[in-house]
Protein backbone atom coordinates (compact mmCIF):
# COMPACT_ATOMS: atom_id res chain seq x y z
CA MET A 1 45.36 10.66 185.36
CA ARG A 2 47.92 9.02 183.04
CA ALA A 3 45.19 7.38 180.99
CA SER A 4 43.39 10.66 180.27
CA ALA A 5 46.62 12.36 179.30
CA PHE A 6 47.45 9.61 176.81
CA VAL A 7 44.00 9.89 175.26
CA SER A 8 44.40 13.63 174.82
CA VAL A 9 47.77 13.23 173.07
CA SER A 10 46.39 10.56 170.77
CA ALA A 11 43.43 12.69 169.84
CA GLY A 12 45.74 15.60 169.01
CA ILE A 13 47.94 13.50 166.70
CA LEU A 14 44.86 12.13 164.92
CA LEU A 15 43.56 15.65 164.31
CA VAL A 16 46.87 16.74 162.71
CA LEU A 17 46.84 13.73 160.39
CA LEU A 18 43.28 14.49 159.31
CA LEU A 19 44.20 18.09 158.49
CA LEU A 20 47.19 17.04 156.46
CA SER A 21 45.13 14.50 154.55
CA SER A 22 42.52 17.06 153.61
CA GLY A 23 45.15 19.54 152.45
CA CYS A 24 46.81 17.00 150.06
CA GLY A 25 43.58 16.00 148.45
CA GLU A 26 42.40 19.42 147.18
CA ARG A 27 44.24 22.58 146.28
CA PRO A 28 42.55 25.79 147.35
CA SER A 29 41.39 27.82 144.36
CA LYS A 30 42.52 31.33 143.75
CA GLY A 31 38.98 32.50 144.38
CA ASP A 32 39.05 31.50 148.01
CA GLY A 33 39.37 34.49 150.23
CA GLY A 34 41.85 34.87 153.03
CA GLY A 35 44.79 33.31 151.16
CA GLY A 36 44.04 29.62 151.53
CA PHE A 37 46.61 27.02 152.49
CA GLN A 38 49.14 26.20 149.78
CA PRO A 39 51.28 23.08 150.18
CA PHE A 40 55.03 23.61 149.90
CA TRP A 41 55.41 21.16 146.93
CA GLU A 42 53.32 23.23 144.53
CA SER A 43 55.55 24.27 141.52
CA THR A 44 55.82 27.89 140.39
CA PRO A 45 55.01 28.48 136.65
CA ALA A 46 58.13 29.15 134.49
CA PRO A 47 58.45 32.73 133.20
CA THR A 48 57.39 33.24 129.58
CA THR A 49 60.27 34.13 127.21
CA GLN A 50 59.29 36.70 124.60
CA VAL A 51 60.92 36.17 121.16
CA SER A 52 62.01 39.43 119.61
CA PRO A 53 61.32 39.76 115.87
CA THR A 54 64.35 39.44 113.59
CA PRO A 55 65.43 42.93 112.47
CA ASP A 56 65.40 43.72 108.74
CA VAL A 57 69.08 43.97 107.75
CA GLY A 58 68.45 44.33 104.01
CA SER A 59 69.24 42.06 101.07
CA VAL A 60 72.68 40.59 100.32
CA VAL A 61 74.31 41.75 97.06
CA GLU A 62 76.95 39.48 95.55
CA ILE A 63 79.79 41.31 93.75
CA THR A 64 82.06 39.47 91.33
CA TYR A 65 85.47 40.91 90.42
CA GLU A 66 87.20 40.05 87.16
CA MET A 67 90.91 40.66 86.59
CA VAL A 68 91.50 42.50 83.30
CA THR A 69 94.99 42.89 81.84
CA ILE A 70 95.48 45.94 79.61
CA THR A 71 98.37 45.74 77.17
CA PRO A 72 99.62 49.21 76.25
CA GLN A 73 99.94 49.88 72.55
CA ALA A 74 103.41 50.44 71.28
CA THR A 75 104.09 53.98 70.26
CA PRO A 76 105.70 54.20 66.83
CA THR A 77 109.31 55.33 67.11
CA GLU A 78 110.08 58.46 65.15
CA ILE A 79 112.89 57.95 62.66
CA VAL A 80 115.73 60.43 62.97
CA TYR A 81 117.59 61.33 59.78
CA VAL A 82 121.10 62.70 59.39
CA GLU A 83 121.99 64.82 56.39
CA VAL A 84 125.11 63.48 54.68
CA LEU A 85 125.09 65.60 51.51
CA ASN A 86 123.66 68.93 50.40
CA LYS A 87 125.33 70.18 47.23
CA GLU A 88 124.46 71.93 43.97
CA TYR A 89 125.68 70.53 40.63
CA LEU A 90 125.72 72.40 37.31
CA PHE A 91 124.80 70.54 34.13
CA LYS A 92 125.82 71.54 30.61
CA ALA A 93 125.27 68.33 28.65
CA ASN A 94 127.37 66.33 31.15
CA THR A 95 127.01 63.42 33.58
CA THR A 96 127.81 63.33 37.30
CA ALA A 97 127.76 60.22 39.49
CA LEU A 98 127.73 59.85 43.28
CA GLU A 99 128.14 56.74 45.40
CA TYR A 100 127.06 56.32 49.01
CA GLN A 101 127.22 53.34 51.38
CA ALA A 102 124.00 53.36 53.42
CA GLU A 103 124.58 51.41 56.63
CA HIS A 104 120.98 52.02 57.70
CA ALA A 105 117.73 52.37 55.78
CA PRO A 106 115.89 54.18 54.46
CA LEU A 107 118.07 56.48 52.38
CA LEU A 108 116.26 59.63 51.25
CA ILE A 109 117.32 61.34 48.02
CA ASP A 110 115.85 64.80 47.37
CA VAL A 111 116.64 66.71 44.18
CA THR A 112 115.63 70.31 43.45
CA LEU A 113 116.12 71.44 39.84
CA LYS A 114 116.82 75.00 38.73
CA PRO A 115 116.43 75.33 34.97
CA ASN A 116 118.25 78.20 33.28
CA ILE A 117 116.07 81.26 32.77
CA VAL A 118 115.94 82.71 29.27
CA SER A 119 114.69 86.12 28.14
CA ARG A 120 112.95 87.07 24.94
CA GLY A 121 112.17 90.62 23.87
CA THR A 122 109.18 91.57 21.74
CA VAL A 123 107.46 94.73 20.59
CA GLU A 124 103.83 95.28 21.51
CA ARG A 125 101.36 98.04 20.79
CA ASP A 126 99.93 99.93 23.74
CA PRO A 127 96.20 99.05 23.85
CA THR A 128 95.34 102.57 25.01
CA CYS A 129 96.52 104.13 21.72
CA THR A 130 94.19 105.01 18.88
CA PRO A 131 94.66 103.52 15.40
CA THR A 132 96.20 106.76 14.15
CA GLU A 133 98.87 106.59 16.88
CA PHE A 134 100.07 103.12 15.91
CA ASN A 135 103.66 104.08 15.13
CA THR A 136 104.11 106.13 18.30
CA CYS A 137 102.43 103.67 20.71
CA LEU A 138 104.77 100.70 20.34
CA ARG A 139 106.64 99.42 23.39
CA ALA A 140 109.30 96.81 24.04
CA VAL A 141 108.37 93.88 26.29
CA THR A 142 110.83 91.37 27.77
CA ALA A 143 109.52 87.90 28.79
CA THR A 144 111.47 85.53 31.07
CA TYR A 145 110.79 81.79 31.47
CA PRO A 146 112.62 78.47 32.11
CA ASP A 147 114.71 77.31 29.19
CA PRO A 148 112.48 74.97 27.20
CA THR A 149 115.53 73.00 26.07
CA ALA A 150 116.62 72.10 29.63
CA TRP A 151 116.44 68.45 30.61
CA PHE A 152 117.61 66.13 33.38
CA SER A 153 117.83 62.38 33.98
CA LEU A 154 118.32 60.65 37.36
CA LYS A 155 119.01 56.98 38.01
CA VAL A 156 119.61 55.28 41.40
CA ILE A 157 121.31 51.87 41.25
CA ASN A 158 122.03 49.35 44.01
CA THR A 159 125.60 48.38 43.06
CA GLY A 160 125.45 45.22 45.16
CA THR A 161 122.55 43.76 43.18
CA GLY A 162 122.68 45.85 40.01
CA GLN A 163 119.00 46.73 40.51
CA ILE A 164 117.72 50.13 39.38
CA VAL A 165 115.96 51.38 42.51
CA ALA A 166 114.50 54.52 40.95
CA GLN A 167 114.53 56.51 37.75
CA ASP A 168 113.17 60.01 37.17
CA GLY A 169 113.77 63.11 35.08
CA TYR A 170 112.81 66.56 33.84
CA GLY A 171 111.90 67.58 30.27
CA ARG A 172 111.99 65.46 27.17
CA GLU A 173 110.01 62.27 28.01
CA TYR A 174 109.41 63.45 31.60
CA ASP A 175 107.21 66.21 32.96
CA VAL A 176 108.60 69.54 34.12
CA SER A 177 108.34 69.00 37.88
CA GLU A 178 111.33 70.61 39.59
CA GLN A 179 111.13 68.45 42.76
CA MET A 180 112.15 64.77 43.04
CA HIS A 181 111.89 62.53 46.10
CA ILE A 182 113.34 59.01 46.05
CA THR A 183 113.52 56.49 48.92
CA ALA A 184 115.94 53.56 49.03
CA LYS A 185 114.41 51.16 51.57
CA SER A 186 117.33 48.76 52.07
CA PRO A 187 120.90 49.28 53.31
CA GLY A 188 123.65 48.95 50.72
CA MET A 189 125.90 50.76 48.28
CA TYR A 190 124.02 53.11 45.99
CA ARG A 191 125.17 54.86 42.83
CA ILE A 192 123.35 58.03 41.81
CA GLU A 193 123.80 58.90 38.12
CA MET A 194 122.70 62.35 36.93
CA THR A 195 122.79 63.68 33.38
CA GLY A 196 121.40 67.00 32.18
CA ASN A 197 121.72 70.21 30.25
CA ARG A 198 121.02 73.89 30.82
CA LEU A 199 120.12 73.57 34.50
CA SER A 200 121.52 72.90 37.97
CA ALA A 201 120.48 70.36 40.58
CA VAL A 202 120.66 70.62 44.37
CA VAL A 203 121.11 67.09 45.71
CA ARG A 204 120.35 66.30 49.35
CA LEU A 205 121.00 62.89 50.92
CA ARG A 206 119.64 61.88 54.32
CA VAL A 207 120.01 58.54 56.04
CA ALA A 208 118.30 57.03 59.08
CA THR A 209 120.39 56.68 62.22
């Protein structure tokens, strides 16, 4: 009784070992029906990682900045003049002199001449008359004009240096312009000598502040 039981147990153990041996030697294929035996040490395939394509983010533009310094242009300062003299002088073959100390430059000297006006009367024949009416068609005509004998001489002298800054005139060796404009460009003491006849002169002095 004990011997037969031992034999049965031994035979059972041997059968289990044979089954295990056959299972380790060959892996059932996927084509086998009924879900064949799969040993517990078989590894599971790792999941495949899909690589997403790199999105198109556009091209890179490099911008370079340069510092530029703009220097504003100086605006010329307007010169302001102050009138220091505005007076009329009468000339009848005489000389008049003025002196002025110019602390600032320039000194502007403007002279306006007014020659004496002379009149001359003549007799003219009316052009509408006929030759037979000559004696009865005469008429008196009066003409007025600047005195042709009027003249004027102007001289501006820097008394500190003795230099003649400007010299001008009217009539004689000069033309008959009635306007004179003289500019003294340096500070200093100036003497204005005027000589003339049969006219008057309006003298205007202006100096920069």
